Amino acid sequence: MRKYETFYISDAQPDLVEKINSRVKEVVEQNQGVFLKVENWGARQLAYHIKRKQQGNYIRLEYELAPTQVGEINRALRFQEGVIRFRTHQVRSESVFAPYEPSEPFARENKPHQAEGVPPEVLAPVRKPEEPRGEDSEKMGKPEDK
């Protein structure tokens, strides 16, 4: 069995959302799977109109199921009233998406970022304004007398 998650957007009331969740749980258990959890992310504005709807309730379902039985979940959601969109995908191992842990705390003390062994003037060279050179420098900015 593999771990899957399904996201779906519903335009239904909370009681119908519970009915949809229980239907998915029923299908998972009928196919010898394990239903793990439900996360309701609440009502959010859609990025674009879907079936003339501007808002939807985002729900995430997590379960373990045989790969051949995932189509049953998709079929159950496709025919449920109140489901605007859904997407099912396999969850990879947690080691791939390990949480970020910084190697050292912030201790820069207002110093610019420096690579190891590289002098600071190479990383951020400071250019001095060029001064005019030669005879033309005197004529610059001055109108010529006629």
N, C-alpha and C. Protein backbone atom coordinates (compact mmCIF):
# COMPACT_ATOMS: atom_id res chain seq x y z
N MET A 1 0.84 -1.18 0.00
CA MET A 1 0.00 0.00 0.00
C MET A 1 0.88 1.24 0.00
N ARG A 2 0.40 2.25 -0.68
CA ARG A 2 1.12 3.51 -0.77
C ARG A 2 0.31 4.61 -0.13
N LYS A 3 1.01 5.66 0.23
CA LYS A 3 0.36 6.79 0.88
C LYS A 3 -0.05 7.80 -0.18
N TYR A 4 -1.32 8.24 -0.13
CA TYR A 4 -1.85 9.21 -1.08
C TYR A 4 -2.49 10.36 -0.33
N GLU A 5 -2.60 11.49 -1.02
CA GLU A 5 -3.38 12.59 -0.49
C GLU A 5 -4.24 13.13 -1.61
N THR A 6 -5.42 13.55 -1.23
CA THR A 6 -6.37 14.11 -2.18
C THR A 6 -6.77 15.48 -1.67
N PHE A 7 -6.67 16.46 -2.54
CA PHE A 7 -7.17 17.80 -2.25
C PHE A 7 -8.44 17.98 -3.06
N TYR A 8 -9.45 18.54 -2.44
CA TYR A 8 -10.62 18.89 -3.23
C TYR A 8 -11.18 20.21 -2.77
N ILE A 9 -11.84 20.88 -3.71
CA ILE A 9 -12.47 22.17 -3.44
C ILE A 9 -13.96 21.93 -3.51
N SER A 10 -14.65 22.36 -2.47
CA SER A 10 -16.09 22.16 -2.39
C SER A 10 -16.80 23.50 -2.24
N ASP A 11 -17.96 23.59 -2.88
CA ASP A 11 -18.77 24.79 -2.70
C ASP A 11 -19.95 24.50 -1.77
N ALA A 12 -19.89 23.36 -1.11
CA ALA A 12 -21.01 22.89 -0.30
C ALA A 12 -20.94 23.40 1.14
N GLN A 13 -22.05 23.21 1.84
CA GLN A 13 -22.13 23.54 3.26
C GLN A 13 -21.34 22.49 4.06
N PRO A 14 -20.97 22.82 5.31
CA PRO A 14 -20.17 21.89 6.12
C PRO A 14 -20.79 20.50 6.28
N ASP A 15 -22.13 20.41 6.36
CA ASP A 15 -22.72 19.09 6.53
C ASP A 15 -22.53 18.23 5.28
N LEU A 16 -22.56 18.83 4.10
CA LEU A 16 -22.32 18.08 2.86
C LEU A 16 -20.85 17.73 2.72
N VAL A 17 -19.96 18.58 3.21
CA VAL A 17 -18.52 18.27 3.20
C VAL A 17 -18.26 17.04 4.05
N GLU A 18 -18.91 16.95 5.21
CA GLU A 18 -18.76 15.77 6.06
C GLU A 18 -19.26 14.52 5.35
N LYS A 19 -20.32 14.66 4.59
CA LYS A 19 -20.87 13.53 3.83
C LYS A 19 -19.87 13.08 2.76
N ILE A 20 -19.23 14.03 2.09
CA ILE A 20 -18.22 13.70 1.08
C ILE A 20 -17.04 13.00 1.73
N ASN A 21 -16.57 13.52 2.87
CA ASN A 21 -15.44 12.91 3.58
C ASN A 21 -15.77 11.49 4.02
N SER A 22 -16.98 11.28 4.52
CA SER A 22 -17.37 9.94 4.97
C SER A 22 -17.48 8.99 3.78
N ARG A 23 -17.90 9.49 2.61
CA ARG A 23 -17.97 8.65 1.40
C ARG A 23 -16.57 8.21 0.98
N VAL A 24 -15.61 9.13 1.00
CA VAL A 24 -14.23 8.79 0.64
C VAL A 24 -13.66 7.79 1.65
N LYS A 25 -13.93 8.01 2.93
CA LYS A 25 -13.45 7.09 3.97
C LYS A 25 -14.05 5.70 3.76
N GLU A 26 -15.31 5.64 3.40
CA GLU A 26 -15.98 4.37 3.13
C GLU A 26 -15.34 3.64 1.96
N VAL A 27 -15.04 4.36 0.88
CA VAL A 27 -14.40 3.75 -0.30
C VAL A 27 -13.00 3.25 0.05
N VAL A 28 -12.25 4.00 0.83
CA VAL A 28 -10.90 3.57 1.24
C VAL A 28 -10.99 2.28 2.04
N GLU A 29 -11.89 2.23 3.00
CA GLU A 29 -12.00 1.05 3.85
C GLU A 29 -12.55 -0.16 3.09
N GLN A 30 -13.43 0.05 2.11
CA GLN A 30 -13.93 -1.05 1.29
C GLN A 30 -12.82 -1.69 0.46
N ASN A 31 -11.82 -0.90 0.10
CA ASN A 31 -10.71 -1.39 -0.72
C ASN A 31 -9.49 -1.75 0.12
N GLN A 32 -9.70 -2.12 1.38
CA GLN A 32 -8.65 -2.55 2.32
C GLN A 32 -7.56 -1.50 2.51
N GLY A 33 -7.96 -0.25 2.53
CA GLY A 33 -7.02 0.83 2.78
C GLY A 33 -7.15 1.36 4.19
N VAL A 34 -6.30 2.32 4.52
CA VAL A 34 -6.31 2.94 5.85
C VAL A 34 -6.50 4.45 5.66
N PHE A 35 -7.56 4.98 6.24
CA PHE A 35 -7.84 6.41 6.17
C PHE A 35 -7.09 7.07 7.31
N LEU A 36 -6.21 8.03 6.99
CA LEU A 36 -5.33 8.62 8.01
C LEU A 36 -5.85 9.91 8.61
N LYS A 37 -6.16 10.92 7.78
CA LYS A 37 -6.64 12.17 8.37
C LYS A 37 -7.35 13.05 7.36
N VAL A 38 -8.07 14.02 7.90
CA VAL A 38 -8.78 15.03 7.12
C VAL A 38 -8.35 16.39 7.65
N GLU A 39 -7.99 17.29 6.75
CA GLU A 39 -7.67 18.67 7.13
C GLU A 39 -8.59 19.60 6.35
N ASN A 40 -9.32 20.42 7.06
CA ASN A 40 -10.17 21.40 6.42
C ASN A 40 -9.44 22.73 6.46
N TRP A 41 -9.07 23.24 5.32
CA TRP A 41 -8.31 24.48 5.24
C TRP A 41 -9.20 25.70 5.18
N GLY A 42 -10.50 25.50 5.17
CA GLY A 42 -11.43 26.62 5.23
C GLY A 42 -11.75 27.21 3.87
N ALA A 43 -12.61 28.21 3.90
CA ALA A 43 -13.05 28.88 2.68
C ALA A 43 -11.99 29.85 2.21
N ARG A 44 -11.70 29.81 0.91
CA ARG A 44 -10.71 30.70 0.32
C ARG A 44 -11.20 31.20 -1.02
N GLN A 45 -10.65 32.31 -1.42
CA GLN A 45 -10.96 32.88 -2.73
C GLN A 45 -10.26 32.04 -3.79
N LEU A 46 -10.96 31.68 -4.85
CA LEU A 46 -10.36 30.93 -5.95
C LEU A 46 -9.53 31.87 -6.81
N ALA A 47 -8.48 31.35 -7.42
CA ALA A 47 -7.62 32.16 -8.28
C ALA A 47 -8.37 32.58 -9.54
N TYR A 48 -9.30 31.75 -9.98
CA TYR A 48 -10.13 32.06 -11.14
C TYR A 48 -11.47 31.35 -10.95
N HIS A 49 -12.45 31.76 -11.68
CA HIS A 49 -13.79 31.19 -11.53
C HIS A 49 -13.78 29.74 -12.01
N ILE A 50 -14.36 28.87 -11.21
CA ILE A 50 -14.53 27.47 -11.58
C ILE A 50 -16.02 27.18 -11.44
N LYS A 51 -16.64 26.78 -12.52
CA LYS A 51 -18.08 26.51 -12.55
C LYS A 51 -18.87 27.69 -11.97
N ARG A 52 -18.44 28.88 -12.35
CA ARG A 52 -19.07 30.14 -11.92
C ARG A 52 -19.01 30.37 -10.41
N LYS A 53 -18.06 29.79 -9.74
CA LYS A 53 -17.87 29.97 -8.29
C LYS A 53 -16.63 30.82 -8.06
N GLN A 54 -16.71 31.66 -7.04
CA GLN A 54 -15.57 32.52 -6.70
C GLN A 54 -14.87 32.07 -5.42
N GLN A 55 -15.56 31.31 -4.58
CA GLN A 55 -14.98 30.81 -3.34
C GLN A 55 -15.19 29.31 -3.23
N GLY A 56 -14.34 28.68 -2.43
CA GLY A 56 -14.50 27.26 -2.19
C GLY A 56 -13.84 26.85 -0.89
N ASN A 57 -14.29 25.75 -0.32
CA ASN A 57 -13.68 25.18 0.88
C ASN A 57 -12.63 24.18 0.43
N TYR A 58 -11.41 24.35 0.92
CA TYR A 58 -10.31 23.47 0.56
C TYR A 58 -10.20 22.38 1.62
N ILE A 59 -10.18 21.12 1.18
CA ILE A 59 -10.09 19.98 2.10
C ILE A 59 -8.98 19.06 1.62
N ARG A 60 -8.19 18.59 2.55
CA ARG A 60 -7.10 17.65 2.26
C ARG A 60 -7.39 16.34 2.97
N LEU A 61 -7.34 15.23 2.21
CA LEU A 61 -7.55 13.89 2.75
C LEU A 61 -6.26 13.11 2.59
N GLU A 62 -5.90 12.33 3.59
CA GLU A 62 -4.69 11.52 3.53
C GLU A 62 -5.05 10.08 3.86
N TYR A 63 -4.54 9.14 3.06
CA TYR A 63 -4.89 7.73 3.25
C TYR A 63 -3.84 6.84 2.61
N GLU A 64 -3.86 5.57 2.99
CA GLU A 64 -3.00 4.55 2.38
C GLU A 64 -3.89 3.60 1.62
N LEU A 65 -3.48 3.28 0.39
CA LEU A 65 -4.32 2.47 -0.48
C LEU A 65 -3.45 1.80 -1.53
N ALA A 66 -3.92 0.68 -2.05
CA ALA A 66 -3.21 0.01 -3.14
C ALA A 66 -3.30 0.88 -4.39
N PRO A 67 -2.24 0.91 -5.20
CA PRO A 67 -2.24 1.78 -6.39
C PRO A 67 -3.37 1.47 -7.37
N THR A 68 -3.82 0.26 -7.43
CA THR A 68 -4.88 -0.09 -8.36
C THR A 68 -6.25 0.41 -7.91
N GLN A 69 -6.38 0.82 -6.66
CA GLN A 69 -7.67 1.23 -6.11
C GLN A 69 -7.86 2.75 -6.06
N VAL A 70 -6.86 3.51 -6.44
CA VAL A 70 -6.95 4.97 -6.35
C VAL A 70 -8.02 5.50 -7.30
N GLY A 71 -8.23 4.83 -8.41
CA GLY A 71 -9.26 5.24 -9.34
C GLY A 71 -10.65 5.25 -8.73
N GLU A 72 -10.88 4.39 -7.73
CA GLU A 72 -12.17 4.35 -7.03
C GLU A 72 -12.42 5.65 -6.26
N ILE A 73 -11.37 6.19 -5.68
CA ILE A 73 -11.49 7.47 -4.95
C ILE A 73 -11.85 8.57 -5.93
N ASN A 74 -11.13 8.61 -7.05
CA ASN A 74 -11.40 9.64 -8.06
C ASN A 74 -12.82 9.51 -8.61
N ARG A 75 -13.27 8.29 -8.81
CA ARG A 75 -14.63 8.08 -9.31
C ARG A 75 -15.66 8.55 -8.29
N ALA A 76 -15.40 8.26 -7.02
CA ALA A 76 -16.33 8.68 -5.97
C ALA A 76 -16.43 10.21 -5.89
N LEU A 77 -15.31 10.89 -6.03
CA LEU A 77 -15.32 12.36 -5.96
C LEU A 77 -15.91 12.98 -7.23
N ARG A 78 -15.70 12.35 -8.37
CA ARG A 78 -16.20 12.91 -9.63
C ARG A 78 -17.72 13.02 -9.62
N PHE A 79 -18.39 12.07 -8.96
CA PHE A 79 -19.84 12.05 -8.98
C PHE A 79 -20.48 12.64 -7.72
N GLN A 80 -19.67 13.20 -6.83
CA GLN A 80 -20.22 13.80 -5.61
C GLN A 80 -20.72 15.21 -5.89
N GLU A 81 -21.89 15.50 -5.39
CA GLU A 81 -22.43 16.84 -5.51
C GLU A 81 -21.66 17.76 -4.57
N GLY A 82 -21.29 18.93 -5.05
CA GLY A 82 -20.59 19.89 -4.20
C GLY A 82 -19.09 19.91 -4.39
N VAL A 83 -18.52 18.98 -5.16
CA VAL A 83 -17.07 18.97 -5.40
C VAL A 83 -16.81 19.73 -6.69
N ILE A 84 -16.05 20.83 -6.58
CA ILE A 84 -15.74 21.64 -7.76
C ILE A 84 -14.54 21.04 -8.50
N ARG A 85 -13.46 20.81 -7.79
CA ARG A 85 -12.24 20.24 -8.35
C ARG A 85 -11.62 19.31 -7.32
N PHE A 86 -10.83 18.35 -7.82
CA PHE A 86 -10.07 17.49 -6.92
C PHE A 86 -8.79 17.04 -7.60
N ARG A 87 -7.80 16.67 -6.80
CA ARG A 87 -6.53 16.17 -7.31
C ARG A 87 -5.98 15.16 -6.31
N THR A 88 -5.57 14.01 -6.82
CA THR A 88 -5.00 12.95 -6.00
C THR A 88 -3.57 12.71 -6.45
N HIS A 89 -2.67 12.58 -5.50
CA HIS A 89 -1.29 12.22 -5.86
C HIS A 89 -0.64 11.45 -4.73
N GLN A 90 0.41 10.75 -5.09
CA GLN A 90 1.13 9.92 -4.13
C GLN A 90 2.05 10.79 -3.29
N VAL A 91 2.10 10.50 -2.01
CA VAL A 91 2.99 11.22 -1.10
C VAL A 91 4.31 10.48 -1.05
N ARG A 92 5.37 11.17 -1.35
CA ARG A 92 6.71 10.56 -1.31
C ARG A 92 7.18 10.50 0.13
N SER A 93 8.32 9.85 0.35
CA SER A 93 8.83 9.70 1.71
C SER A 93 9.14 11.05 2.32
N GLU A 94 9.09 11.12 3.63
CA GLU A 94 9.30 12.38 4.34
C GLU A 94 10.73 12.87 4.22
N SER A 95 11.69 11.97 3.94
CA SER A 95 13.08 12.40 3.86
C SER A 95 13.32 13.34 2.69
N VAL A 96 12.51 13.25 1.64
CA VAL A 96 12.66 14.14 0.50
C VAL A 96 12.26 15.56 0.88
N PHE A 97 11.26 15.71 1.70
CA PHE A 97 10.75 17.02 2.09
C PHE A 97 11.08 17.31 3.54
N ALA A 98 12.33 17.08 3.93
CA ALA A 98 12.74 17.32 5.31
C ALA A 98 12.62 18.81 5.63
N PRO A 99 12.22 19.14 6.84
CA PRO A 99 12.09 20.56 7.19
C PRO A 99 13.46 21.25 7.19
N TYR A 100 13.45 22.51 6.86
CA TYR A 100 14.68 23.30 6.81
C TYR A 100 15.15 23.61 8.22
N GLU A 101 16.43 23.34 8.46
CA GLU A 101 17.05 23.69 9.74
C GLU A 101 18.33 24.44 9.43
N PRO A 102 18.42 25.69 9.85
CA PRO A 102 19.64 26.45 9.56
C PRO A 102 20.84 25.86 10.28
N SER A 103 22.01 25.89 9.64
CA SER A 103 23.20 25.29 10.23
C SER A 103 23.75 26.11 11.40
N GLU A 104 23.60 27.41 11.35
CA GLU A 104 24.03 28.25 12.47
C GLU A 104 23.05 29.40 12.64
N PRO A 105 22.90 29.87 13.85
CA PRO A 105 21.98 30.99 14.06
C PRO A 105 22.50 32.26 13.39
N PHE A 106 21.63 33.22 13.25
CA PHE A 106 22.02 34.47 12.63
C PHE A 106 23.04 35.18 13.50
N ALA A 107 24.27 35.28 12.99
CA ALA A 107 25.33 35.94 13.74
C ALA A 107 26.16 36.81 12.82
N ARG A 108 25.53 37.46 11.88
CA ARG A 108 26.27 38.24 10.89
C ARG A 108 26.67 39.62 11.39
N GLU A 109 25.91 40.19 12.28
CA GLU A 109 26.21 41.50 12.83
C GLU A 109 26.41 42.55 11.74
N ASN A 110 25.44 42.68 10.85
CA ASN A 110 25.44 43.68 9.78
C ASN A 110 26.61 43.56 8.82
N LYS A 111 27.16 42.36 8.63
CA LYS A 111 28.21 42.13 7.65
C LYS A 111 27.57 41.59 6.38
N PRO A 112 28.08 41.99 5.23
CA PRO A 112 27.54 41.43 3.99
C PRO A 112 27.90 39.96 3.87
N HIS A 113 27.14 39.24 3.09
CA HIS A 113 27.37 37.82 2.90
C HIS A 113 28.72 37.60 2.21
N GLN A 114 29.55 36.71 2.74
CA GLN A 114 30.85 36.44 2.15
C GLN A 114 31.01 34.94 1.95
N ALA A 115 31.54 34.56 0.81
CA ALA A 115 31.88 33.18 0.58
C ALA A 115 33.21 32.91 1.26
N GLU A 116 33.44 31.66 1.63
CA GLU A 116 34.67 31.33 2.34
C GLU A 116 35.87 31.46 1.42
N GLY A 117 36.90 32.12 1.88
CA GLY A 117 38.15 32.23 1.15
C GLY A 117 38.15 33.26 0.02
N VAL A 118 37.09 34.01 -0.13
CA VAL A 118 37.03 35.02 -1.19
C VAL A 118 37.12 36.39 -0.54
N PRO A 119 38.04 37.23 -1.00
CA PRO A 119 38.16 38.55 -0.39
C PRO A 119 36.92 39.39 -0.65
N PRO A 120 36.56 40.26 0.29
CA PRO A 120 35.33 41.04 0.16
C PRO A 120 35.32 41.97 -1.05
N GLU A 121 36.49 42.47 -1.50
CA GLU A 121 36.48 43.38 -2.64
C GLU A 121 36.11 42.67 -3.94
N VAL A 122 36.26 41.34 -3.98
CA VAL A 122 35.87 40.59 -5.17
C VAL A 122 34.35 40.44 -5.19
N LEU A 123 33.75 40.24 -4.02
CA LEU A 123 32.31 40.02 -3.97
C LEU A 123 31.52 41.29 -4.25
N ALA A 124 31.95 42.40 -3.71
CA ALA A 124 31.22 43.65 -3.90
C ALA A 124 32.21 44.77 -4.20
N PRO A 125 32.67 44.85 -5.45
CA PRO A 125 33.65 45.90 -5.74
C PRO A 125 33.01 47.28 -5.66
N VAL A 126 33.78 48.20 -5.14
CA VAL A 126 33.30 49.57 -5.01
C VAL A 126 33.96 50.39 -6.10
N ARG A 127 33.15 51.02 -6.94
CA ARG A 127 33.69 51.83 -8.02
C ARG A 127 33.75 53.29 -7.59
N LYS A 128 34.86 53.88 -7.88
CA LYS A 128 35.02 55.30 -7.59
C LYS A 128 34.56 56.06 -8.82
N PRO A 129 33.94 57.22 -8.63
CA PRO A 129 33.53 57.99 -9.80
C PRO A 129 34.77 58.42 -10.59
N GLU A 130 34.68 58.25 -11.88
CA GLU A 130 35.83 58.59 -12.72
C GLU A 130 35.94 60.10 -12.85
N GLU A 131 37.16 60.58 -12.78
CA GLU A 131 37.41 62.00 -12.95
C GLU A 131 37.73 62.26 -14.42
N PRO A 132 37.30 63.42 -14.94
CA PRO A 132 37.61 63.73 -16.33
C PRO A 132 39.12 63.86 -16.53
N ARG A 133 39.61 63.46 -17.72
CA ARG A 133 41.03 63.47 -17.99
C ARG A 133 41.36 64.44 -19.13
N GLY A 134 42.52 64.98 -19.11
CA GLY A 134 43.06 65.75 -20.22
C GLY A 134 42.40 67.08 -20.48
N GLU A 135 42.61 67.58 -21.72
CA GLU A 135 42.13 68.90 -22.12
C GLU A 135 40.61 68.98 -22.15
N ASP A 136 39.98 67.90 -22.54
CA ASP A 136 38.53 67.91 -22.66
C ASP A 136 37.84 68.10 -21.32
N SER A 137 38.55 67.83 -20.23
CA SER A 137 37.92 67.94 -18.92
C SER A 137 37.57 69.38 -18.58
N GLU A 138 38.37 70.32 -19.07
CA GLU A 138 38.09 71.73 -18.78
C GLU A 138 36.87 72.21 -19.56
N LYS A 139 36.62 71.65 -20.74
CA LYS A 139 35.52 72.09 -21.57
C LYS A 139 34.20 71.47 -21.14
N MET A 140 34.27 70.41 -20.38
CA MET A 140 33.04 69.71 -20.02
C MET A 140 32.18 70.59 -19.13
N GLY A 141 30.94 70.74 -19.48
CA GLY A 141 30.00 71.49 -18.67
C GLY A 141 30.06 72.98 -18.86
N LYS A 142 31.02 73.48 -19.63
CA LYS A 142 31.14 74.91 -19.85
C LYS A 142 30.72 75.23 -21.27
N PRO A 143 29.87 76.24 -21.47
CA PRO A 143 29.50 76.60 -22.84
C PRO A 143 30.67 77.31 -23.54
N GLU A 144 30.77 77.08 -24.81
CA GLU A 144 31.85 77.70 -25.55
C GLU A 144 31.53 79.19 -25.83
N ASP A 145 32.56 80.01 -25.78
CA ASP A 145 32.38 81.43 -26.06
C ASP A 145 32.45 81.64 -27.58
N LYS A 146 31.54 82.45 -28.11
CA LYS A 146 31.53 82.74 -29.52
C LYS A 146 31.91 84.15 -29.79
